[in-house]
N, C-alpha and C. Protein backbone atom coordinates (compact mmCIF):
# COMPACT_ATOMS: atom_id res chain seq x y z
N GLN A 1 5.53 21.06 -0.15
CA GLN A 1 5.59 20.00 -1.14
C GLN A 1 5.08 18.74 -0.49
N VAL A 2 4.29 18.02 -1.49
CA VAL A 2 3.82 16.76 -0.98
C VAL A 2 4.66 15.65 -1.23
N GLN A 3 4.71 14.72 -0.29
CA GLN A 3 5.75 13.46 -0.24
C GLN A 3 5.05 12.22 0.37
N LEU A 4 4.99 11.16 -0.49
CA LEU A 4 4.54 9.92 -0.01
C LEU A 4 5.65 9.16 -0.04
N VAL A 5 6.17 8.44 1.11
CA VAL A 5 7.43 7.69 0.87
C VAL A 5 7.09 6.50 1.73
N GLU A 6 7.50 5.32 0.85
CA GLU A 6 6.87 3.82 1.27
C GLU A 6 8.31 3.32 1.65
N SER A 7 8.21 2.29 2.51
CA SER A 7 9.24 1.46 3.19
C SER A 7 8.76 0.19 3.56
N GLY A 8 9.67 -0.72 3.89
CA GLY A 8 9.18 -2.28 4.44
C GLY A 8 9.30 -3.11 3.41
N GLY A 9 9.49 -2.86 2.31
CA GLY A 9 9.57 -4.01 1.33
C GLY A 9 10.79 -4.75 1.30
N GLY A 10 10.83 -5.89 0.74
CA GLY A 10 12.11 -6.56 0.64
C GLY A 10 11.54 -7.91 0.01
N LEU A 11 12.63 -9.05 0.42
CA LEU A 11 12.37 -10.29 0.02
C LEU A 11 12.05 -11.28 1.06
N VAL A 12 10.95 -12.12 0.63
CA VAL A 12 10.56 -12.89 1.70
C VAL A 12 10.07 -14.22 1.20
N GLN A 13 10.03 -15.41 1.94
CA GLN A 13 9.70 -16.53 1.40
C GLN A 13 8.34 -16.73 1.06
N PRO A 14 7.79 -17.53 0.34
CA PRO A 14 6.24 -17.85 0.35
C PRO A 14 5.81 -18.27 1.55
N GLY A 15 4.51 -17.70 2.06
CA GLY A 15 3.86 -17.95 3.21
C GLY A 15 4.03 -17.03 4.49
N GLY A 16 5.36 -16.08 4.04
CA GLY A 16 6.04 -15.24 4.99
C GLY A 16 5.04 -13.91 5.09
N SER A 17 5.32 -12.97 5.91
CA SER A 17 4.95 -11.77 6.01
C SER A 17 5.68 -10.58 5.80
N LEU A 18 5.22 -9.34 5.49
CA LEU A 18 5.86 -8.14 5.36
C LEU A 18 4.81 -7.18 5.92
N ARG A 19 5.31 -6.01 6.39
CA ARG A 19 4.51 -4.63 6.74
C ARG A 19 5.06 -3.49 5.82
N LEU A 20 4.31 -2.92 5.05
CA LEU A 20 4.72 -1.84 4.33
C LEU A 20 4.11 -0.52 5.16
N SER A 21 4.87 0.55 5.21
CA SER A 21 4.41 1.74 5.58
C SER A 21 4.47 2.75 4.51
N CYS A 22 3.78 3.84 4.59
CA CYS A 22 3.89 5.08 3.83
C CYS A 22 3.66 6.26 4.66
N ALA A 23 4.83 7.02 4.75
CA ALA A 23 4.74 8.30 5.46
C ALA A 23 4.47 9.40 4.65
N ALA A 24 3.30 10.08 4.91
CA ALA A 24 2.78 11.40 4.19
C ALA A 24 3.37 12.80 4.87
N SER A 25 3.61 13.46 3.99
CA SER A 25 3.91 14.84 4.45
C SER A 25 3.47 15.99 3.37
N GLY A 26 2.88 17.22 3.83
CA GLY A 26 2.56 18.25 2.79
C GLY A 26 0.95 18.02 2.49
N ILE A 27 0.45 17.12 3.15
CA ILE A 27 -1.25 17.34 2.82
C ILE A 27 -1.74 17.10 4.03
N ASN A 28 -3.21 17.48 4.01
CA ASN A 28 -3.90 17.27 5.52
C ASN A 28 -4.42 15.77 4.98
N PHE A 29 -3.52 14.82 5.65
CA PHE A 29 -3.54 13.38 5.41
C PHE A 29 -5.20 12.95 5.86
N SER A 30 -5.64 13.31 6.89
CA SER A 30 -6.76 12.78 7.60
C SER A 30 -7.95 12.79 6.57
N ILE A 31 -7.84 13.72 5.55
CA ILE A 31 -9.14 14.07 4.98
C ILE A 31 -8.99 13.01 3.55
N TYR A 32 -7.59 12.59 3.28
CA TYR A 32 -7.61 11.78 1.96
C TYR A 32 -7.91 10.47 2.23
N VAL A 33 -8.57 10.01 1.07
CA VAL A 33 -8.54 8.44 0.70
C VAL A 33 -7.18 7.83 0.51
N MET A 34 -7.03 6.96 1.15
CA MET A 34 -5.44 6.27 1.06
C MET A 34 -5.84 5.08 0.28
N ALA A 35 -4.68 4.66 -0.51
CA ALA A 35 -4.70 3.14 -1.19
C ALA A 35 -3.29 2.65 -1.26
N TRP A 36 -3.13 1.47 -1.44
CA TRP A 36 -2.09 0.71 -2.00
C TRP A 36 -2.54 0.05 -3.40
N TYR A 37 -1.24 0.26 -4.18
CA TYR A 37 -1.40 0.01 -5.73
C TYR A 37 -0.30 -1.19 -5.51
N ARG A 38 -0.18 -1.79 -6.69
CA ARG A 38 1.00 -2.71 -7.02
C ARG A 38 1.17 -2.90 -8.53
N GLN A 39 2.56 -3.09 -8.93
CA GLN A 39 2.53 -3.23 -10.53
C GLN A 39 3.65 -4.20 -10.63
N ALA A 40 3.43 -5.42 -11.25
CA ALA A 40 4.50 -6.48 -11.43
C ALA A 40 5.04 -6.14 -12.77
N PRO A 41 6.19 -6.88 -13.10
CA PRO A 41 6.81 -6.75 -14.31
C PRO A 41 6.02 -7.09 -15.51
N GLY A 42 5.86 -6.24 -16.59
CA GLY A 42 4.99 -6.32 -17.69
C GLY A 42 3.56 -6.45 -17.27
N LYS A 43 3.15 -6.04 -16.18
CA LYS A 43 1.56 -5.79 -16.04
C LYS A 43 1.31 -4.50 -15.61
N GLN A 44 -0.07 -4.33 -15.65
CA GLN A 44 -0.53 -2.87 -15.38
C GLN A 44 -0.69 -2.89 -13.87
N ARG A 45 -0.40 -1.51 -13.57
CA ARG A 45 -0.85 -1.04 -11.90
C ARG A 45 -2.18 -1.54 -11.62
N GLU A 46 -2.33 -2.32 -10.52
CA GLU A 46 -3.38 -2.75 -9.95
C GLU A 46 -3.88 -2.26 -8.41
N LEU A 47 -5.09 -2.25 -8.22
CA LEU A 47 -5.44 -1.51 -6.92
C LEU A 47 -5.29 -2.77 -5.86
N VAL A 48 -4.64 -2.51 -4.74
CA VAL A 48 -4.69 -3.73 -3.77
C VAL A 48 -5.63 -3.36 -2.97
N ALA A 49 -5.69 -2.12 -2.05
CA ALA A 49 -6.41 -1.92 -1.00
C ALA A 49 -6.75 -0.34 -1.05
N THR A 50 -7.90 -0.02 -0.21
CA THR A 50 -8.08 1.35 -0.14
C THR A 50 -8.64 1.52 1.33
N ILE A 51 -8.66 2.54 1.97
CA ILE A 51 -8.96 3.03 3.26
C ILE A 51 -9.77 4.22 3.23
N THR A 52 -10.90 4.35 3.78
CA THR A 52 -11.54 6.00 3.74
C THR A 52 -10.78 6.59 4.69
N SER A 53 -11.21 7.94 4.80
CA SER A 53 -10.59 8.92 5.88
C SER A 53 -10.95 8.23 7.32
N GLY A 54 -12.29 8.01 7.33
CA GLY A 54 -12.83 7.29 8.34
C GLY A 54 -12.39 5.90 8.79
N GLY A 55 -11.46 5.20 7.94
CA GLY A 55 -10.98 4.11 8.43
C GLY A 55 -11.64 2.75 7.87
N ARG A 56 -12.55 3.07 6.80
CA ARG A 56 -13.00 1.68 6.18
C ARG A 56 -12.35 1.23 5.22
N PRO A 57 -12.10 0.04 5.24
CA PRO A 57 -11.15 -0.55 4.24
C PRO A 57 -11.96 -1.37 2.98
N ASN A 58 -11.30 -1.59 1.97
CA ASN A 58 -11.70 -2.36 0.81
C ASN A 58 -10.66 -2.93 0.30
N TYR A 59 -10.81 -4.05 -0.26
CA TYR A 59 -9.64 -5.03 -0.68
C TYR A 59 -10.08 -5.84 -2.27
N ALA A 60 -8.84 -6.03 -2.85
CA ALA A 60 -8.96 -6.58 -4.17
C ALA A 60 -9.11 -7.95 -3.68
N ASP A 61 -9.81 -8.72 -4.47
CA ASP A 61 -10.28 -10.17 -4.29
C ASP A 61 -8.97 -10.97 -4.19
N SER A 62 -7.96 -10.69 -4.76
CA SER A 62 -6.78 -11.62 -4.69
C SER A 62 -6.09 -11.49 -3.44
N VAL A 63 -6.32 -10.36 -2.44
CA VAL A 63 -5.59 -10.26 -1.27
C VAL A 63 -6.44 -10.29 0.03
N LYS A 64 -7.89 -10.66 -0.25
CA LYS A 64 -8.77 -10.71 0.72
C LYS A 64 -8.31 -11.75 1.81
N GLY A 65 -8.50 -11.35 2.97
CA GLY A 65 -8.23 -12.31 4.04
C GLY A 65 -6.54 -12.47 4.19
N ARG A 66 -5.86 -11.80 3.49
CA ARG A 66 -4.34 -11.96 3.72
C ARG A 66 -3.56 -10.79 3.94
N PHE A 67 -4.37 -9.51 3.20
CA PHE A 67 -3.83 -8.24 3.62
C PHE A 67 -4.69 -7.50 4.66
N THR A 68 -3.99 -6.51 5.24
CA THR A 68 -4.79 -5.69 6.26
C THR A 68 -4.26 -4.33 5.89
N ILE A 69 -5.02 -3.25 5.45
CA ILE A 69 -4.75 -1.93 5.34
C ILE A 69 -5.05 -1.09 6.70
N SER A 70 -4.23 -0.06 6.92
CA SER A 70 -4.74 0.57 8.28
C SER A 70 -4.00 1.97 8.00
N ARG A 71 -4.53 2.92 8.84
CA ARG A 71 -4.01 4.08 8.71
C ARG A 71 -3.68 4.85 10.21
N ASP A 72 -2.76 5.80 10.37
CA ASP A 72 -2.77 6.58 11.70
C ASP A 72 -2.87 7.83 11.18
N ASN A 73 -4.10 8.54 11.34
CA ASN A 73 -4.01 10.11 10.95
C ASN A 73 -3.16 10.94 11.67
N ALA A 74 -3.22 10.73 13.15
CA ALA A 74 -2.29 11.56 13.86
C ALA A 74 -0.87 11.70 13.35
N GLN A 75 -0.28 10.53 12.89
CA GLN A 75 1.03 10.24 12.56
C GLN A 75 1.32 10.24 11.05
N LYS A 76 0.17 10.53 10.36
CA LYS A 76 0.06 10.68 8.91
C LYS A 76 0.85 9.45 8.08
N MET A 77 0.32 8.33 8.58
CA MET A 77 1.09 7.03 8.29
C MET A 77 0.02 6.09 7.78
N LEU A 78 0.28 5.29 6.61
CA LEU A 78 -0.46 4.39 6.06
C LEU A 78 0.39 2.84 6.16
N TYR A 79 -0.35 1.78 6.28
CA TYR A 79 0.22 0.75 6.51
C TYR A 79 -0.39 -0.35 5.69
N LEU A 80 0.54 -1.25 5.32
CA LEU A 80 -0.35 -2.59 4.45
C LEU A 80 0.52 -3.76 5.38
N GLN A 81 -0.50 -4.53 6.00
CA GLN A 81 0.21 -5.64 6.77
C GLN A 81 -0.24 -6.91 5.77
N MET A 82 0.97 -7.51 5.34
CA MET A 82 0.78 -8.83 4.21
C MET A 82 1.26 -9.93 4.75
N ASN A 83 0.20 -10.92 4.99
CA ASN A 83 0.30 -12.24 5.26
C ASN A 83 0.33 -13.32 4.37
N SER A 84 0.74 -14.50 4.38
CA SER A 84 0.50 -15.68 3.72
C SER A 84 0.90 -15.21 2.19
N LEU A 85 2.18 -14.53 2.07
CA LEU A 85 2.64 -13.83 0.96
C LEU A 85 2.73 -15.24 -0.34
N LYS A 86 2.47 -14.81 -1.29
CA LYS A 86 2.67 -15.80 -2.42
C LYS A 86 3.46 -15.24 -3.73
N PRO A 87 4.10 -16.07 -4.28
CA PRO A 87 5.08 -15.55 -5.58
C PRO A 87 4.38 -14.36 -6.54
N GLU A 88 3.09 -14.68 -6.50
CA GLU A 88 2.33 -13.76 -7.33
C GLU A 88 2.02 -12.50 -6.73
N ASP A 89 2.27 -12.23 -5.64
CA ASP A 89 2.35 -10.87 -4.83
C ASP A 89 3.47 -10.00 -5.29
N THR A 90 4.58 -10.72 -5.81
CA THR A 90 5.78 -9.91 -6.23
C THR A 90 5.50 -8.77 -6.99
N ALA A 91 5.83 -7.53 -6.74
CA ALA A 91 5.52 -6.36 -7.32
C ALA A 91 6.17 -5.18 -6.80
N VAL A 92 6.20 -4.03 -7.26
CA VAL A 92 6.46 -2.96 -6.65
C VAL A 92 5.03 -2.27 -6.17
N TYR A 93 5.27 -1.85 -4.90
CA TYR A 93 4.08 -1.41 -4.17
C TYR A 93 3.84 0.25 -3.93
N TYR A 94 2.86 0.79 -4.41
CA TYR A 94 3.02 2.08 -4.37
C TYR A 94 1.68 2.60 -3.28
N CYS A 95 2.17 3.67 -2.58
CA CYS A 95 0.93 4.30 -1.87
C CYS A 95 0.54 5.56 -2.62
N ASN A 96 -0.65 5.84 -2.49
CA ASN A 96 -1.55 6.55 -3.31
C ASN A 96 -2.64 7.10 -2.48
N ALA A 97 -2.50 8.79 -2.58
CA ALA A 97 -3.58 9.78 -1.89
C ALA A 97 -4.37 10.39 -2.89
N ILE A 98 -5.84 10.24 -2.64
CA ILE A 98 -6.95 10.69 -3.36
C ILE A 98 -7.76 11.49 -2.74
N LEU A 99 -7.96 12.75 -3.39
CA LEU A 99 -8.88 13.76 -2.63
C LEU A 99 -9.52 14.31 -3.84
N GLY A 100 -10.97 14.00 -4.36
CA GLY A 100 -11.42 14.55 -5.64
C GLY A 100 -10.57 14.21 -6.83
N PHE A 101 -10.14 15.25 -7.60
CA PHE A 101 -9.31 15.12 -8.67
C PHE A 101 -7.90 15.02 -8.38
N THR A 102 -7.45 15.23 -7.14
CA THR A 102 -6.09 15.32 -6.66
C THR A 102 -5.55 14.04 -6.38
N ASN A 103 -4.44 13.53 -6.82
CA ASN A 103 -4.00 12.18 -6.77
C ASN A 103 -2.45 12.26 -6.67
N TYR A 104 -1.85 11.76 -5.53
CA TYR A 104 -0.35 11.71 -5.32
C TYR A 104 0.14 10.43 -5.05
N TRP A 105 1.33 10.07 -5.74
CA TRP A 105 2.04 8.93 -5.46
C TRP A 105 3.45 8.72 -4.80
N GLY A 106 3.56 7.67 -4.37
CA GLY A 106 4.89 7.68 -3.70
C GLY A 106 5.68 6.92 -4.84
N GLN A 107 7.00 6.58 -4.44
CA GLN A 107 8.03 6.16 -5.32
C GLN A 107 8.15 4.53 -5.57
N GLY A 108 7.40 4.11 -4.56
CA GLY A 108 7.22 2.50 -4.50
C GLY A 108 8.31 1.80 -3.75
N THR A 109 7.75 0.58 -3.45
CA THR A 109 8.87 -0.07 -2.59
C THR A 109 8.89 -1.65 -3.20
N GLN A 110 9.89 -2.38 -3.42
CA GLN A 110 9.86 -3.49 -4.16
C GLN A 110 9.60 -4.79 -2.99
N VAL A 111 8.66 -5.52 -3.38
CA VAL A 111 8.22 -6.84 -2.58
C VAL A 111 8.45 -7.91 -3.46
N THR A 112 9.49 -8.87 -3.22
CA THR A 112 9.65 -10.17 -3.82
C THR A 112 9.36 -11.18 -3.10
N VAL A 113 8.56 -12.09 -3.70
CA VAL A 113 8.16 -13.52 -2.68
C VAL A 113 8.80 -14.66 -3.46
N SER A 114 9.85 -15.17 -2.90
CA SER A 114 10.75 -16.26 -3.59
C SER A 114 11.27 -17.06 -2.61
N SER A 115 11.27 -18.34 -2.99
CA SER A 115 11.91 -19.34 -2.14
C SER A 115 13.52 -19.40 -2.64
C-alpha cells in the first residue's frame, strides 16, 4: 500500500520559515521524481517544486530563492524548506510521487501565513 504522509504545516507570520516533510512508504522511493504542489482556496493546484531521483531541483518562479526542495532516498523522505514566507504562500501543500504514468498524492498539510 502506497502512502505519502505530509507534516510540518502550521501558522507562521510573514517573513517566517517552515519545513515540510513527506514520508513515503510502499514505493521504490529512490527512482521516483518527487514534487510539492499547493492549492489555495478557490484556486487551482499549482506546482511548487520538483526534484529528480538524482537530486536535481526545479522551482516555480514564485518561490525561487525562498524555498528549497530536498530528499533523503535512504529514509524515503521529501522535504520543503520554506523561508521568507508571504501571505500568498498560504495553501494546502501536497507531496507527489511520479514515475511515468504512475502518480501518487499525500493528503496535504495546511500552511497559513498571517500576522
